[in-house]
Amino acid sequence: MKSEYLKYLTNRYVVAIIVFVAWISFFDDNSLLYQHGLNKQIKDLKNKKAFYSEAIKKQKQMLKDLDDDKKLEKYAREKLLMKQPGEDVYIIDNEKNKE
């Protein structure tokens, strides 16, 4: 049984195939490990692209909405805490928003 495996492992074609597979898998410039890392990078970049595309859509929609004077005033009052002359602004901070 042991000699049977030894017989196959000493065959020069089997040795050449094993060396070739090991070289391609680990030592080559385009090894399988390197390709795996590149595929992971591609996946991360696609996720970032989707996130930023969605953010751009939201920003474009906000710009469209801010063309209306009433919506622009509402945005300035809520987000930028602006006020008209003679007006007092009170900020109410909920504990729910802190968490």
N, C-alpha and C. Protein backbone atom coordinates (compact mmCIF):
# COMPACT_ATOMS: atom_id res chain seq x y z
N MET A 1 0.83 -1.19 0.00
CA MET A 1 0.00 0.00 0.00
C MET A 1 0.87 1.25 0.00
N LYS A 2 1.90 1.25 0.87
CA LYS A 2 2.77 2.41 0.96
C LYS A 2 3.58 2.57 -0.33
N SER A 3 3.99 1.47 -0.88
CA SER A 3 4.77 1.54 -2.11
C SER A 3 3.90 2.01 -3.28
N GLU A 4 2.62 1.76 -3.19
CA GLU A 4 1.71 2.20 -4.25
C GLU A 4 1.66 3.73 -4.31
N TYR A 5 1.56 4.40 -3.14
CA TYR A 5 1.56 5.87 -3.11
C TYR A 5 2.94 6.42 -3.51
N LEU A 6 3.96 5.75 -3.06
CA LEU A 6 5.32 6.17 -3.38
C LEU A 6 5.57 6.07 -4.88
N LYS A 7 4.98 5.06 -5.47
CA LYS A 7 5.13 4.85 -6.91
C LYS A 7 4.53 6.04 -7.66
N TYR A 8 3.36 6.51 -7.21
CA TYR A 8 2.72 7.64 -7.89
C TYR A 8 3.44 8.96 -7.61
N LEU A 9 3.94 9.12 -6.40
CA LEU A 9 4.61 10.36 -6.04
C LEU A 9 5.98 10.52 -6.67
N THR A 10 6.59 9.41 -7.07
CA THR A 10 7.91 9.49 -7.72
C THR A 10 7.78 9.59 -9.23
N ASN A 11 6.60 9.48 -9.74
CA ASN A 11 6.38 9.65 -11.17
C ASN A 11 6.68 11.11 -11.53
N ARG A 12 7.49 11.33 -12.56
CA ARG A 12 7.93 12.70 -12.86
C ARG A 12 6.77 13.59 -13.32
N TYR A 13 5.76 13.04 -13.92
CA TYR A 13 4.62 13.85 -14.35
C TYR A 13 3.79 14.32 -13.15
N VAL A 14 3.62 13.44 -12.19
CA VAL A 14 2.88 13.80 -10.98
C VAL A 14 3.64 14.86 -10.20
N VAL A 15 4.95 14.69 -10.11
CA VAL A 15 5.78 15.68 -9.41
C VAL A 15 5.71 17.02 -10.14
N ALA A 16 5.77 17.00 -11.45
CA ALA A 16 5.69 18.24 -12.23
C ALA A 16 4.34 18.93 -12.03
N ILE A 17 3.27 18.16 -12.00
CA ILE A 17 1.94 18.73 -11.80
C ILE A 17 1.82 19.32 -10.40
N ILE A 18 2.33 18.64 -9.40
CA ILE A 18 2.28 19.13 -8.02
C ILE A 18 3.06 20.44 -7.90
N VAL A 19 4.25 20.47 -8.48
CA VAL A 19 5.08 21.68 -8.44
C VAL A 19 4.38 22.82 -9.18
N PHE A 20 3.78 22.52 -10.33
CA PHE A 20 3.08 23.54 -11.10
C PHE A 20 1.89 24.11 -10.32
N VAL A 21 1.10 23.25 -9.73
CA VAL A 21 -0.06 23.70 -8.95
C VAL A 21 0.38 24.53 -7.75
N ALA A 22 1.44 24.09 -7.08
CA ALA A 22 1.95 24.86 -5.94
C ALA A 22 2.47 26.22 -6.40
N TRP A 23 3.16 26.24 -7.52
CA TRP A 23 3.69 27.51 -8.03
C TRP A 23 2.56 28.47 -8.39
N ILE A 24 1.57 28.00 -9.08
CA ILE A 24 0.44 28.84 -9.49
C ILE A 24 -0.36 29.29 -8.27
N SER A 25 -0.51 28.43 -7.28
CA SER A 25 -1.33 28.75 -6.12
C SER A 25 -0.68 29.76 -5.18
N PHE A 26 0.64 29.67 -5.00
CA PHE A 26 1.25 30.47 -3.94
C PHE A 26 2.35 31.42 -4.40
N PHE A 27 3.15 31.07 -5.40
CA PHE A 27 4.37 31.82 -5.68
C PHE A 27 4.28 32.74 -6.89
N ASP A 28 3.36 32.53 -7.77
CA ASP A 28 3.27 33.32 -8.99
C ASP A 28 2.78 34.74 -8.67
N ASP A 29 3.07 35.71 -9.57
CA ASP A 29 2.61 37.09 -9.38
C ASP A 29 1.08 37.17 -9.36
N ASN A 30 0.44 36.31 -10.09
CA ASN A 30 -1.03 36.26 -10.12
C ASN A 30 -1.53 35.02 -9.42
N SER A 31 -1.02 34.77 -8.23
CA SER A 31 -1.37 33.56 -7.49
C SER A 31 -2.84 33.59 -7.06
N LEU A 32 -3.31 32.46 -6.63
CA LEU A 32 -4.70 32.36 -6.18
C LEU A 32 -4.95 33.24 -4.96
N LEU A 33 -3.98 33.35 -4.08
CA LEU A 33 -4.13 34.21 -2.90
C LEU A 33 -4.23 35.67 -3.31
N TYR A 34 -3.41 36.08 -4.28
CA TYR A 34 -3.47 37.46 -4.78
C TYR A 34 -4.80 37.72 -5.46
N GLN A 35 -5.27 36.78 -6.25
CA GLN A 35 -6.56 36.92 -6.93
C GLN A 35 -7.70 37.02 -5.92
N HIS A 36 -7.62 36.25 -4.85
CA HIS A 36 -8.64 36.31 -3.80
C HIS A 36 -8.67 37.70 -3.18
N GLY A 37 -7.50 38.27 -2.91
CA GLY A 37 -7.42 39.62 -2.36
C GLY A 37 -8.00 40.66 -3.31
N LEU A 38 -7.72 40.50 -4.59
CA LEU A 38 -8.27 41.43 -5.57
C LEU A 38 -9.79 41.32 -5.67
N ASN A 39 -10.30 40.11 -5.61
CA ASN A 39 -11.75 39.93 -5.66
C ASN A 39 -12.42 40.55 -4.44
N LYS A 40 -11.77 40.45 -3.29
CA LYS A 40 -12.29 41.08 -2.08
C LYS A 40 -12.30 42.59 -2.23
N GLN A 41 -11.24 43.15 -2.80
CA GLN A 41 -11.18 44.59 -3.04
C GLN A 41 -12.28 45.04 -3.99
N ILE A 42 -12.51 44.27 -5.03
CA ILE A 42 -13.55 44.60 -6.00
C ILE A 42 -14.91 44.62 -5.32
N LYS A 43 -15.17 43.64 -4.48
CA LYS A 43 -16.44 43.58 -3.76
C LYS A 43 -16.61 44.80 -2.85
N ASP A 44 -15.54 45.18 -2.13
CA ASP A 44 -15.61 46.35 -1.26
C ASP A 44 -15.85 47.62 -2.07
N LEU A 45 -15.18 47.75 -3.21
CA LEU A 45 -15.35 48.93 -4.04
C LEU A 45 -16.75 49.02 -4.63
N LYS A 46 -17.32 47.88 -4.97
CA LYS A 46 -18.70 47.89 -5.48
C LYS A 46 -19.67 48.32 -4.40
N ASN A 47 -19.43 47.86 -3.16
CA ASN A 47 -20.29 48.29 -2.05
C ASN A 47 -20.16 49.78 -1.81
N LYS A 48 -18.94 50.31 -1.87
CA LYS A 48 -18.74 51.75 -1.70
C LYS A 48 -19.41 52.52 -2.83
N LYS A 49 -19.32 52.00 -4.03
CA LYS A 49 -19.95 52.67 -5.18
C LYS A 49 -21.45 52.75 -4.99
N ALA A 50 -22.05 51.67 -4.54
CA ALA A 50 -23.50 51.66 -4.31
C ALA A 50 -23.87 52.65 -3.20
N PHE A 51 -23.07 52.70 -2.14
CA PHE A 51 -23.34 53.63 -1.03
C PHE A 51 -23.26 55.07 -1.52
N TYR A 52 -22.21 55.41 -2.24
CA TYR A 52 -22.05 56.78 -2.70
C TYR A 52 -23.06 57.15 -3.78
N SER A 53 -23.46 56.20 -4.60
CA SER A 53 -24.50 56.48 -5.60
C SER A 53 -25.81 56.83 -4.90
N GLU A 54 -26.13 56.09 -3.85
CA GLU A 54 -27.35 56.37 -3.08
C GLU A 54 -27.24 57.74 -2.40
N ALA A 55 -26.07 58.06 -1.87
CA ALA A 55 -25.88 59.37 -1.22
C ALA A 55 -26.02 60.50 -2.23
N ILE A 56 -25.52 60.30 -3.43
CA ILE A 56 -25.64 61.32 -4.48
C ILE A 56 -27.10 61.52 -4.86
N LYS A 57 -27.86 60.43 -4.96
CA LYS A 57 -29.29 60.55 -5.27
C LYS A 57 -30.00 61.36 -4.21
N LYS A 58 -29.69 61.09 -2.93
CA LYS A 58 -30.33 61.82 -1.84
C LYS A 58 -29.96 63.30 -1.90
N GLN A 59 -28.71 63.61 -2.17
CA GLN A 59 -28.27 65.00 -2.25
C GLN A 59 -28.92 65.73 -3.41
N LYS A 60 -29.05 65.06 -4.55
CA LYS A 60 -29.72 65.68 -5.70
C LYS A 60 -31.18 65.96 -5.39
N GLN A 61 -31.83 65.01 -4.70
CA GLN A 61 -33.22 65.21 -4.32
C GLN A 61 -33.33 66.38 -3.35
N MET A 62 -32.40 66.50 -2.42
CA MET A 62 -32.42 67.60 -1.47
C MET A 62 -32.23 68.93 -2.19
N LEU A 63 -31.34 68.97 -3.15
CA LEU A 63 -31.13 70.20 -3.93
C LEU A 63 -32.39 70.58 -4.69
N LYS A 64 -33.08 69.58 -5.24
CA LYS A 64 -34.34 69.85 -5.93
C LYS A 64 -35.36 70.43 -4.96
N ASP A 65 -35.42 69.84 -3.77
CA ASP A 65 -36.38 70.30 -2.77
C ASP A 65 -36.06 71.71 -2.28
N LEU A 66 -34.79 72.06 -2.22
CA LEU A 66 -34.40 73.37 -1.71
C LEU A 66 -34.63 74.50 -2.71
N ASP A 67 -35.08 74.18 -3.91
CA ASP A 67 -35.44 75.23 -4.86
C ASP A 67 -36.70 75.96 -4.39
N ASP A 68 -37.55 75.26 -3.64
CA ASP A 68 -38.75 75.87 -3.09
C ASP A 68 -38.37 76.71 -1.87
N ASP A 69 -38.86 77.98 -1.80
CA ASP A 69 -38.48 78.89 -0.71
C ASP A 69 -38.93 78.38 0.65
N LYS A 70 -40.12 77.80 0.73
CA LYS A 70 -40.61 77.33 2.02
C LYS A 70 -39.76 76.15 2.54
N LYS A 71 -39.40 75.27 1.65
CA LYS A 71 -38.57 74.13 2.06
C LYS A 71 -37.16 74.59 2.42
N LEU A 72 -36.67 75.61 1.71
CA LEU A 72 -35.35 76.16 2.04
C LEU A 72 -35.36 76.80 3.42
N GLU A 73 -36.43 77.53 3.72
CA GLU A 73 -36.55 78.15 5.05
C GLU A 73 -36.65 77.09 6.14
N LYS A 74 -37.42 76.03 5.88
CA LYS A 74 -37.57 74.95 6.85
C LYS A 74 -36.22 74.27 7.11
N TYR A 75 -35.48 74.03 6.05
CA TYR A 75 -34.17 73.41 6.20
C TYR A 75 -33.23 74.30 7.00
N ALA A 76 -33.23 75.60 6.69
CA ALA A 76 -32.35 76.53 7.41
C ALA A 76 -32.70 76.60 8.89
N ARG A 77 -33.97 76.57 9.20
CA ARG A 77 -34.40 76.63 10.60
C ARG A 77 -34.06 75.34 11.35
N GLU A 78 -34.30 74.18 10.74
CA GLU A 78 -34.11 72.91 11.44
C GLU A 78 -32.64 72.49 11.50
N LYS A 79 -31.96 72.58 10.41
CA LYS A 79 -30.60 72.04 10.36
C LYS A 79 -29.53 73.07 10.73
N LEU A 80 -29.71 74.29 10.30
CA LEU A 80 -28.68 75.30 10.52
C LEU A 80 -28.99 76.22 11.69
N LEU A 81 -30.16 76.02 12.31
CA LEU A 81 -30.59 76.79 13.48
C LEU A 81 -30.62 78.28 13.22
N MET A 82 -31.04 78.66 12.02
CA MET A 82 -31.17 80.08 11.68
C MET A 82 -32.52 80.58 12.17
N LYS A 83 -32.59 81.90 12.34
CA LYS A 83 -33.85 82.50 12.79
C LYS A 83 -34.02 83.84 12.12
N GLN A 84 -35.25 84.31 12.15
CA GLN A 84 -35.54 85.64 11.62
C GLN A 84 -35.29 86.66 12.72
N PRO A 85 -35.07 87.92 12.35
CA PRO A 85 -34.82 88.95 13.37
C PRO A 85 -35.99 89.06 14.34
N GLY A 86 -35.67 89.18 15.62
CA GLY A 86 -36.70 89.32 16.64
C GLY A 86 -37.31 88.01 17.08
N GLU A 87 -36.77 86.91 16.66
CA GLU A 87 -37.31 85.60 16.98
C GLU A 87 -36.39 84.89 17.96
N ASP A 88 -36.93 84.09 18.83
CA ASP A 88 -36.13 83.28 19.74
C ASP A 88 -36.24 81.82 19.32
N VAL A 89 -35.12 81.11 19.37
CA VAL A 89 -35.10 79.69 19.01
C VAL A 89 -34.72 78.89 20.25
N TYR A 90 -35.54 77.89 20.56
CA TYR A 90 -35.28 77.01 21.68
C TYR A 90 -34.99 75.62 21.14
N ILE A 91 -33.90 75.03 21.59
CA ILE A 91 -33.51 73.70 21.14
C ILE A 91 -33.90 72.70 22.21
N ILE A 92 -34.72 71.73 21.83
CA ILE A 92 -35.15 70.68 22.73
C ILE A 92 -34.41 69.42 22.34
N ASP A 93 -33.63 68.92 23.27
CA ASP A 93 -32.80 67.75 22.99
C ASP A 93 -33.42 66.53 23.67
N ASN A 94 -33.89 65.59 22.89
CA ASN A 94 -34.48 64.36 23.42
C ASN A 94 -33.38 63.38 23.78
N GLU A 95 -33.59 62.62 24.82
CA GLU A 95 -32.61 61.61 25.20
C GLU A 95 -32.56 60.47 24.20
N LYS A 96 -33.63 60.26 23.46
CA LYS A 96 -33.66 59.21 22.45
C LYS A 96 -32.63 59.50 21.37
N ASN A 97 -32.46 60.77 21.01
CA ASN A 97 -31.54 61.14 19.95
C ASN A 97 -30.09 61.01 20.38
N LYS A 98 -29.80 61.05 21.67
CA LYS A 98 -28.43 60.95 22.15
C LYS A 98 -27.87 59.56 21.96
N GLU A 99 -28.70 58.56 22.05
CA GLU A 99 -28.24 57.17 21.92
C GLU A 99 -28.12 56.81 20.51
